[in-house]
Protein backbone atom coordinates (compact mmCIF):
# COMPACT_ATOMS: atom_id res chain seq x y z
CA UNK A 1 22.47 -65.99 1.41
CA UNK A 2 23.21 -68.31 -1.49
CA UNK A 3 22.68 -71.89 -2.56
CA UNK A 4 24.27 -74.20 -5.10
CA UNK A 5 22.85 -77.60 -5.97
CA UNK A 6 24.34 -80.06 -8.46
CA UNK A 7 22.42 -82.95 -10.01
CA UNK A 8 24.12 -85.67 -12.05
CA UNK A 9 22.03 -86.97 -14.96
CA UNK A 10 24.49 -89.56 -16.25
CA UNK A 11 25.67 -87.82 -19.41
CA UNK A 12 25.75 -84.40 -17.81
CA UNK A 13 25.39 -82.33 -14.68
CA UNK A 14 23.02 -79.47 -13.93
CA UNK A 15 24.05 -76.90 -11.34
CA UNK A 16 21.36 -74.64 -9.92
CA UNK A 17 22.42 -71.37 -8.37
CA UNK A 18 20.09 -69.28 -6.21
CA UNK A 19 20.39 -66.21 -4.05
CA UNK A 20 23.20 -63.69 -3.75
CA UNK A 21 26.77 -64.38 -4.87
CA UNK A 22 29.58 -62.18 -3.62
CA UNK A 23 33.11 -62.52 -2.23
CA UNK A 24 31.76 -64.59 0.69
CA UNK A 25 30.16 -67.22 -1.60
CA UNK A 26 32.93 -67.25 -4.24
CA UNK A 27 34.86 -70.15 -2.61
CA UNK A 28 31.68 -72.29 -2.65
CA UNK A 29 31.06 -71.43 -6.30
CA UNK A 30 34.64 -72.30 -7.26
CA UNK A 31 34.60 -75.55 -5.29
CA UNK A 32 31.32 -76.69 -6.84
CA UNK A 33 32.40 -75.86 -10.39
CA UNK A 34 35.80 -77.51 -9.87
CA UNK A 35 34.07 -80.65 -8.59
CA UNK A 36 31.45 -80.99 -11.34
CA UNK A 37 33.86 -80.12 -14.16
CA UNK A 38 36.48 -82.62 -12.98
CA UNK A 39 34.57 -85.57 -14.44
CA UNK A 40 34.61 -84.31 -18.03
CA UNK A 41 30.82 -84.35 -18.38
CA UNK A 42 28.77 -81.54 -19.89
CA UNK A 43 27.81 -79.05 -17.18
CA UNK A 44 24.87 -76.63 -17.45
CA UNK A 45 24.59 -73.92 -14.81
CA UNK A 46 21.06 -72.57 -14.35
CA UNK A 47 21.30 -68.90 -13.34
CA UNK A 48 17.56 -68.19 -13.09
CA UNK A 49 17.55 -68.12 -9.27
CA UNK A 50 20.41 -65.66 -8.85
CA UNK A 51 19.24 -62.39 -7.28
CA UNK A 52 22.70 -60.76 -7.08
CA UNK A 53 25.99 -61.60 -8.78
CA UNK A 54 28.99 -59.44 -7.90
CA UNK A 55 31.73 -58.75 -10.41
CA UNK A 56 34.17 -61.29 -8.92
CA UNK A 57 31.60 -64.08 -9.30
CA UNK A 58 30.70 -62.86 -12.77
CA UNK A 59 34.39 -62.85 -13.74
CA UNK A 60 34.70 -66.42 -12.42
CA UNK A 61 31.85 -67.57 -14.66
CA UNK A 62 33.20 -65.74 -17.72
CA UNK A 63 36.74 -67.09 -17.32
CA UNK A 64 35.46 -70.64 -16.82
CA UNK A 65 33.29 -70.29 -19.90
CA UNK A 66 36.30 -69.18 -21.92
CA UNK A 67 38.48 -72.03 -20.64
CA UNK A 68 35.88 -74.79 -20.50
CA UNK A 69 33.47 -73.63 -23.21
CA UNK A 70 33.27 -77.09 -24.73
CA UNK A 71 32.04 -78.52 -21.41
CA UNK A 72 30.39 -75.67 -19.52
CA UNK A 73 27.25 -73.72 -20.41
CA UNK A 74 25.16 -71.17 -18.54
CA UNK A 75 21.43 -70.77 -19.08
CA UNK A 76 18.34 -68.87 -17.97
CA UNK A 77 20.10 -65.76 -16.65
CA UNK A 78 18.11 -63.61 -14.26
CA UNK A 79 18.01 -59.87 -14.87
CA UNK A 80 20.60 -59.47 -12.09
CA UNK A 81 22.98 -61.83 -13.86
CA UNK A 82 22.56 -59.98 -17.15
CA UNK A 83 23.24 -56.66 -15.40
CA UNK A 84 26.46 -58.07 -13.90
CA UNK A 85 27.62 -59.37 -17.28
CA UNK A 86 26.92 -55.97 -18.83
CA UNK A 87 28.79 -54.20 -16.02
CA UNK A 88 31.78 -56.45 -16.68
CA UNK A 89 31.59 -55.49 -20.36
CA UNK A 90 30.78 -58.90 -21.83
CA UNK A 91 27.29 -58.15 -23.12
CA UNK A 92 26.63 -59.89 -26.43
CA UNK A 93 29.29 -62.57 -26.00
CA UNK A 94 28.42 -66.27 -26.13
CA UNK A 95 28.68 -67.09 -22.44
CA UNK A 96 25.01 -67.45 -21.58
CA UNK A 97 22.09 -68.83 -23.53
CA UNK A 98 18.40 -68.92 -22.79
CA UNK A 99 18.06 -72.70 -22.84
CA UNK A 100 19.95 -75.89 -23.60
CA UNK A 101 18.66 -76.12 -27.17
CA UNK A 102 19.24 -72.48 -28.07
CA UNK A 103 22.50 -71.29 -29.60
CA UNK A 104 24.92 -69.81 -27.05
CA UNK A 105 24.02 -66.12 -27.26
CA UNK A 106 23.65 -63.70 -24.37
CA UNK A 107 19.94 -63.04 -24.26
CA UNK A 108 17.26 -61.89 -21.88
CA UNK A 109 14.83 -64.40 -23.42
């Protein structure tokens, strides 16, 4: 079971993800990210509530970060998210940061 909630704050959008993300939830993840990124606002995806992130979903986040890095940021990764990023071989890359004011560095903090 998974959940995605987007909140518009005027200058930016926060997307909260919670639960398990796998091939079944991937279309929902793509649709939500396509929708919130279409407006050109800054988008921060909070990953703290993710309990499982399969490699397809992880790849989706990494690719989007590479393409839309100026607009899209990921923060507060759960230990499950960090494990998925490591399994994909992107540990230490600037895709996830611990908070909005921290530099974009993959961190467990």
